[in-house]
Amino acid sequence: MLFAVAPDVWWIFAGRILMGIGVGLTAGPSTAAILEFSSPERAKGAASVTMAAQAVGFAAALLLGGALTQYGPWPTRLCFWILAVLLLILLTGTWFLPRHAAGAGVRDRRSRMPSVPKDVRRVFAVSSTAMMAAYTFGVLVLSLGGQVEHDLIGSPNALRNGAVLALFPS
């Protein structure tokens, strides 16, 4: 939402930082959830599907963002409004995911606070901080990708630049 309503560049920087933190905090748990809800014999396939889904989602976002920026109304804001709507839909869907009771395979709809065993809390804190920092830095650097692609291929077309960037994760 910060991108959609940003009155100046500082709001965009704040949005990029929050975006990096959000991706850093959700990429691991989303992968873990997919593995948790897969049977043990399908775990390898579930991990592959997760990685493919993240790469396809990244490429689709670049293509859709480029198309909306180049050809849609409100080129600096529309893609962020659409992203906000998609995130609300995703949040709603996530709310209805089944939850497992500790030590049981029974579905539990009550929300619980996550917990980390005491013996791994330090490792968890360090690795979580490293992931958040890496994704925050990655999002900040990736935001320059459009300008780099523009300079490299010499195209003012945002869709073409997004298509070139979409090839990056491949």
C-alpha atoms as a PDB file:
ATOM      1  CA  MET A   1       0.000   0.000   0.000  1.00  0.00           C
ATOM      2  CA  LEU A   2       2.932   2.347   0.618  1.00  0.00           C
ATOM      3  CA  PHE A   3       3.870   2.130  -3.072  1.00  0.00           C
ATOM      4  CA  ALA A   4       0.305   2.835  -4.191  1.00  0.00           C
ATOM      5  CA  VAL A   5      -0.045   6.005  -2.111  1.00  0.00           C
ATOM      6  CA  ALA A   6       3.593   7.154  -1.915  1.00  0.00           C
ATOM      7  CA  PRO A   7       3.808  10.960  -2.007  1.00  0.00           C
ATOM      8  CA  ASP A   8       7.615  10.949  -2.256  1.00  0.00           C
ATOM      9  CA  VAL A   9      10.659   8.710  -2.673  1.00  0.00           C
ATOM     10  CA  TRP A  10      11.089   8.108   1.074  1.00  0.00           C
ATOM     11  CA  TRP A  11       7.770   6.260   1.154  1.00  0.00           C
ATOM     12  CA  ILE A  12       9.043   4.078  -1.683  1.00  0.00           C
ATOM     13  CA  PHE A  13      12.202   3.263   0.259  1.00  0.00           C
ATOM     14  CA  ALA A  14      10.072   2.373   3.287  1.00  0.00           C
ATOM     15  CA  GLY A  15       7.865   0.203   1.069  1.00  0.00           C
ATOM     16  CA  ARG A  16      10.910  -1.591  -0.366  1.00  0.00           C
ATOM     17  CA  ILE A  17      12.250  -2.298   3.114  1.00  0.00           C
ATOM     18  CA  LEU A  18       8.889  -3.624   4.316  1.00  0.00           C
ATOM     19  CA  MET A  19       8.566  -5.675   1.140  1.00  0.00           C
ATOM     20  CA  GLY A  20      11.964  -7.289   1.746  1.00  0.00           C
ATOM     21  CA  ILE A  21      11.106  -8.046   5.358  1.00  0.00           C
ATOM     22  CA  GLY A  22       7.745  -9.494   4.313  1.00  0.00           C
ATOM     23  CA  VAL A  23       9.237 -11.729   1.656  1.00  0.00           C
ATOM     24  CA  GLY A  24      11.999 -12.795   4.015  1.00  0.00           C
ATOM     25  CA  LEU A  25       9.486 -13.720   6.703  1.00  0.00           C
ATOM     26  CA  THR A  26       7.101 -15.575   4.374  1.00  0.00           C
ATOM     27  CA  ALA A  27       9.259 -17.422   1.827  1.00  0.00           C
ATOM     28  CA  GLY A  28      10.561 -19.972   4.342  1.00  0.00           C
ATOM     29  CA  PRO A  29       7.294 -20.593   6.221  1.00  0.00           C
ATOM     30  CA  SER A  30       5.346 -20.967   2.975  1.00  0.00           C
ATOM     31  CA  THR A  31       7.787 -23.629   1.805  1.00  0.00           C
ATOM     32  CA  ALA A  32       7.636 -25.343   5.198  1.00  0.00           C
ATOM     33  CA  ALA A  33       3.816 -25.334   5.101  1.00  0.00           C
ATOM     34  CA  ILE A  34       3.762 -26.970   1.689  1.00  0.00           C
ATOM     35  CA  LEU A  35       6.165 -29.648   2.911  1.00  0.00           C
ATOM     36  CA  GLU A  36       4.186 -30.129   6.124  1.00  0.00           C
ATOM     37  CA  PHE A  37       0.949 -30.731   4.275  1.00  0.00           C
ATOM     38  CA  SER A  38       2.576 -33.122   1.796  1.00  0.00           C
ATOM     39  CA  SER A  39       3.017 -36.803   2.453  1.00  0.00           C
ATOM     40  CA  PRO A  40       6.624 -37.858   3.181  1.00  0.00           C
ATOM     41  CA  GLU A  41       6.953 -39.647  -0.155  1.00  0.00           C
ATOM     42  CA  ARG A  42       5.873 -36.499  -2.010  1.00  0.00           C
ATOM     43  CA  ALA A  43       8.133 -34.075  -0.115  1.00  0.00           C
ATOM     44  CA  LYS A  44      10.719 -33.829  -2.896  1.00  0.00           C
ATOM     45  CA  GLY A  45       8.024 -33.053  -5.467  1.00  0.00           C
ATOM     46  CA  ALA A  46       6.434 -30.505  -3.131  1.00  0.00           C
ATOM     47  CA  ALA A  47       9.766 -28.709  -2.739  1.00  0.00           C
ATOM     48  CA  SER A  48      10.203 -28.609  -6.524  1.00  0.00           C
ATOM     49  CA  VAL A  49       6.672 -27.283  -6.998  1.00  0.00           C
ATOM     50  CA  THR A  50       7.334 -24.582  -4.392  1.00  0.00           C
ATOM     51  CA  MET A  51      10.531 -23.418  -6.101  1.00  0.00           C
ATOM     52  CA  ALA A  52       8.836 -23.466  -9.507  1.00  0.00           C
ATOM     53  CA  ALA A  53       5.839 -21.532  -8.153  1.00  0.00           C
ATOM     54  CA  GLN A  54       8.116 -18.862  -6.698  1.00  0.00           C
ATOM     55  CA  ALA A  55      10.043 -18.507  -9.986  1.00  0.00           C
ATOM     56  CA  VAL A  56       6.849 -18.408 -12.074  1.00  0.00           C
ATOM     57  CA  GLY A  57       5.278 -15.905  -9.676  1.00  0.00           C
ATOM     58  CA  PHE A  58       8.361 -13.699  -9.883  1.00  0.00           C
ATOM     59  CA  ALA A  59       8.362 -13.809 -13.692  1.00  0.00           C
ATOM     60  CA  ALA A  60       4.597 -13.220 -13.884  1.00  0.00           C
ATOM     61  CA  ALA A  61       4.886 -10.220 -11.558  1.00  0.00           C
ATOM     62  CA  LEU A  62       7.593  -8.701 -13.756  1.00  0.00           C
ATOM     63  CA  LEU A  63       5.549  -9.241 -16.916  1.00  0.00           C
ATOM     64  CA  LEU A  64       2.282  -7.994 -15.425  1.00  0.00           C
ATOM     65  CA  GLY A  65       4.014  -5.032 -13.767  1.00  0.00           C
ATOM     66  CA  GLY A  66       5.757  -4.135 -17.020  1.00  0.00           C
ATOM     67  CA  ALA A  67       2.515  -4.392 -18.999  1.00  0.00           C
ATOM     68  CA  LEU A  68       0.549  -2.281 -16.508  1.00  0.00           C
ATOM     69  CA  THR A  69       3.323   0.292 -16.300  1.00  0.00           C
ATOM     70  CA  GLN A  70       3.653   0.566 -20.070  1.00  0.00           C
ATOM     71  CA  TYR A  71       0.037   0.273 -21.202  1.00  0.00           C
ATOM     72  CA  GLY A  72      -2.245   0.700 -18.182  1.00  0.00           C
ATOM     73  CA  PRO A  73      -3.633   3.851 -16.627  1.00  0.00           C
ATOM     74  CA  TRP A  74      -1.770   5.231 -13.578  1.00  0.00           C
ATOM     75  CA  PRO A  75       1.564   3.624 -14.543  1.00  0.00           C
ATOM     76  CA  THR A  76       3.240   4.252 -11.201  1.00  0.00           C
ATOM     77  CA  ARG A  77       0.378   3.083  -8.982  1.00  0.00           C
ATOM     78  CA  LEU A  78      -2.006   0.583 -10.635  1.00  0.00           C
ATOM     79  CA  CYS A  79       0.224  -2.488 -10.294  1.00  0.00           C
ATOM     80  CA  PHE A  80       0.580  -1.811  -6.563  1.00  0.00           C
ATOM     81  CA  TRP A  81      -3.187  -1.537  -6.079  1.00  0.00           C
ATOM     82  CA  ILE A  82      -3.586  -4.858  -7.894  1.00  0.00           C
ATOM     83  CA  LEU A  83      -0.836  -6.361  -5.724  1.00  0.00           C
ATOM     84  CA  ALA A  84      -2.628  -5.143  -2.581  1.00  0.00           C
ATOM     85  CA  VAL A  85      -5.877  -6.815  -3.712  1.00  0.00           C
ATOM     86  CA  LEU A  86      -4.047 -10.065  -4.515  1.00  0.00           C
ATOM     87  CA  LEU A  87      -2.333 -10.011  -1.123  1.00  0.00           C
ATOM     88  CA  LEU A  88      -5.694  -9.528   0.629  1.00  0.00           C
ATOM     89  CA  ILE A  89      -7.082 -12.525  -1.271  1.00  0.00           C
ATOM     90  CA  LEU A  90      -4.010 -14.547  -0.299  1.00  0.00           C
ATOM     91  CA  LEU A  91      -4.327 -13.471   3.336  1.00  0.00           C
ATOM     92  CA  THR A  92      -7.961 -14.550   3.343  1.00  0.00           C
ATOM     93  CA  GLY A  93      -7.064 -17.922   1.845  1.00  0.00           C
ATOM     94  CA  THR A  94      -4.240 -18.370   4.338  1.00  0.00           C
ATOM     95  CA  TRP A  95      -6.616 -17.782   7.234  1.00  0.00           C
ATOM     96  CA  PHE A  96      -8.553 -20.902   6.224  1.00  0.00           C
ATOM     97  CA  LEU A  97      -5.539 -23.224   5.976  1.00  0.00           C
ATOM     98  CA  PRO A  98      -5.771 -26.184   8.360  1.00  0.00           C
ATOM     99  CA  ARG A  99      -3.678 -26.041  11.487  1.00  0.00           C
ATOM    100  CA  HIS A 100      -2.231 -29.088  13.212  1.00  0.00           C
ATOM    101  CA  ALA A 101      -2.445 -29.512  16.959  1.00  0.00           C
ATOM    102  CA  ALA A 102       0.934 -30.160  18.568  1.00  0.00           C
ATOM    103  CA  GLY A 103       1.697 -33.879  18.482  1.00  0.00           C
ATOM    104  CA  ALA A 104      -1.553 -34.782  16.740  1.00  0.00           C
ATOM    105  CA  GLY A 105      -2.653 -35.094  13.174  1.00  0.00           C
ATOM    106  CA  VAL A 106      -6.006 -33.475  13.930  1.00  0.00           C
ATOM    107  CA  ARG A 107      -7.134 -30.268  12.278  1.00  0.00           C
ATOM    108  CA  ASP A 108      -7.373 -27.360  14.673  1.00  0.00           C
ATOM    109  CA  ARG A 109      -8.898 -24.032  13.649  1.00  0.00           C
ATOM    110  CA  ARG A 110      -7.638 -22.121  16.682  1.00  0.00           C
ATOM    111  CA  SER A 111      -4.787 -19.743  16.048  1.00  0.00           C
ATOM    112  CA  ARG A 112      -1.644 -20.325  18.100  1.00  0.00           C
ATOM    113  CA  MET A 113       1.448 -18.239  18.459  1.00  0.00           C
ATOM    114  CA  PRO A 114       4.448 -19.883  16.840  1.00  0.00           C
ATOM    115  CA  SER A 115       7.108 -21.187  19.155  1.00  0.00           C
ATOM    116  CA  VAL A 116      10.729 -22.155  18.699  1.00  0.00           C
ATOM    117  CA  PRO A 117      12.355 -24.782  20.943  1.00  0.00           C
ATOM    118  CA  LYS A 118      14.822 -23.243  23.401  1.00  0.00           C
ATOM    119  CA  ASP A 119      17.839 -25.176  22.111  1.00  0.00           C
ATOM    120  CA  VAL A 120      17.553 -23.687  18.595  1.00  0.00           C
ATOM    121  CA  ARG A 121      16.316 -20.171  19.388  1.00  0.00           C
ATOM    122  CA  ARG A 122      19.707 -18.512  18.901  1.00  0.00           C
ATOM    123  CA  VAL A 123      20.297 -20.243  15.556  1.00  0.00           C
ATOM    124  CA  PHE A 124      16.722 -19.435  14.530  1.00  0.00           C
ATOM    125  CA  ALA A 125      17.132 -15.753  15.454  1.00  0.00           C
ATOM    126  CA  VAL A 126      20.430 -15.408  13.584  1.00  0.00           C
ATOM    127  CA  SER A 127      19.194 -17.224  10.477  1.00  0.00           C
ATOM    128  CA  SER A 128      15.889 -15.303  10.466  1.00  0.00           C
ATOM    129  CA  THR A 129      17.720 -12.002  10.746  1.00  0.00           C
ATOM    130  CA  ALA A 130      20.085 -13.019   7.943  1.00  0.00           C
ATOM    131  CA  MET A 131      17.163 -14.017   5.698  1.00  0.00           C
ATOM    132  CA  MET A 132      15.313 -10.746   6.360  1.00  0.00           C
ATOM    133  CA  ALA A 133      18.464  -8.733   5.661  1.00  0.00           C
ATOM    134  CA  ALA A 134      19.193 -10.691   2.479  1.00  0.00           C
ATOM    135  CA  TYR A 135      15.674 -10.285   1.125  1.00  0.00           C
ATOM    136  CA  THR A 136      15.546  -6.619   2.111  1.00  0.00           C
ATOM    137  CA  PHE A 137      18.841  -6.003   0.319  1.00  0.00           C
ATOM    138  CA  GLY A 138      17.675  -8.118  -2.630  1.00  0.00           C
ATOM    139  CA  VAL A 139      14.449  -6.160  -3.001  1.00  0.00           C
ATOM    140  CA  LEU A 140      16.338  -2.861  -2.867  1.00  0.00           C
ATOM    141  CA  VAL A 141      18.838  -4.015  -5.517  1.00  0.00           C
ATOM    142  CA  LEU A 142      16.141  -5.637  -7.656  1.00  0.00           C
ATOM    143  CA  SER A 143      14.260  -2.352  -7.720  1.00  0.00           C
ATOM    144  CA  LEU A 144      17.156  -1.040  -9.800  1.00  0.00           C
ATOM    145  CA  GLY A 145      16.706  -3.896 -12.282  1.00  0.00           C
ATOM    146  CA  GLY A 146      14.337  -1.966 -14.526  1.00  0.00           C
ATOM    147  CA  GLN A 147      16.811   0.868 -14.907  1.00  0.00           C
ATOM    148  CA  VAL A 148      19.698  -1.545 -15.496  1.00  0.00           C
ATOM    149  CA  GLU A 149      17.693  -3.396 -18.168  1.00  0.00           C
ATOM    150  CA  HIS A 150      16.696  -0.073 -19.718  1.00  0.00           C
ATOM    151  CA  ASP A 151      20.343   0.945 -19.933  1.00  0.00           C
ATOM    152  CA  LEU A 152      21.542  -2.456 -21.178  1.00  0.00           C
ATOM    153  CA  ILE A 153      19.002  -3.076 -23.922  1.00  0.00           C
ATOM    154  CA  GLY A 154      18.204   0.554 -24.626  1.00  0.00           C
ATOM    155  CA  SER A 155      14.445   0.111 -24.522  1.00  0.00           C
ATOM    156  CA  PRO A 156      12.035   2.619 -23.000  1.00  0.00           C
ATOM    157  CA  ASN A 157       9.303  -0.083 -23.029  1.00  0.00           C
ATOM    158  CA  ALA A 158       8.558  -1.283 -19.469  1.00  0.00           C
ATOM    159  CA  LEU A 159       6.988  -4.529 -20.687  1.00  0.00           C
ATOM    160  CA  ARG A 160      10.073  -5.421 -22.730  1.00  0.00           C
ATOM    161  CA  ASN A 161      12.319  -4.604 -19.772  1.00  0.00           C
ATOM    162  CA  GLY A 162      10.100  -6.706 -17.486  1.00  0.00           C
ATOM    163  CA  ALA A 163      10.304  -9.593 -19.941  1.00  0.00           C
ATOM    164  CA  VAL A 164      14.104  -9.434 -19.915  1.00  0.00           C
ATOM    165  CA  LEU A 165      14.124  -9.336 -16.104  1.00  0.00           C
ATOM    166  CA  ALA A 166      11.677 -12.280 -16.036  1.00  0.00           C
ATOM    167  CA  LEU A 167      14.374 -14.387 -17.685  1.00  0.00           C
ATOM    168  CA  PHE A 168      16.695 -13.706 -14.728  1.00  0.00           C
ATOM    169  CA  PRO A 169      15.413 -16.483 -12.405  1.00  0.00           C
ATOM    170  CA  SER A 170      15.390 -19.038 -15.229  1.00  0.00           C
END
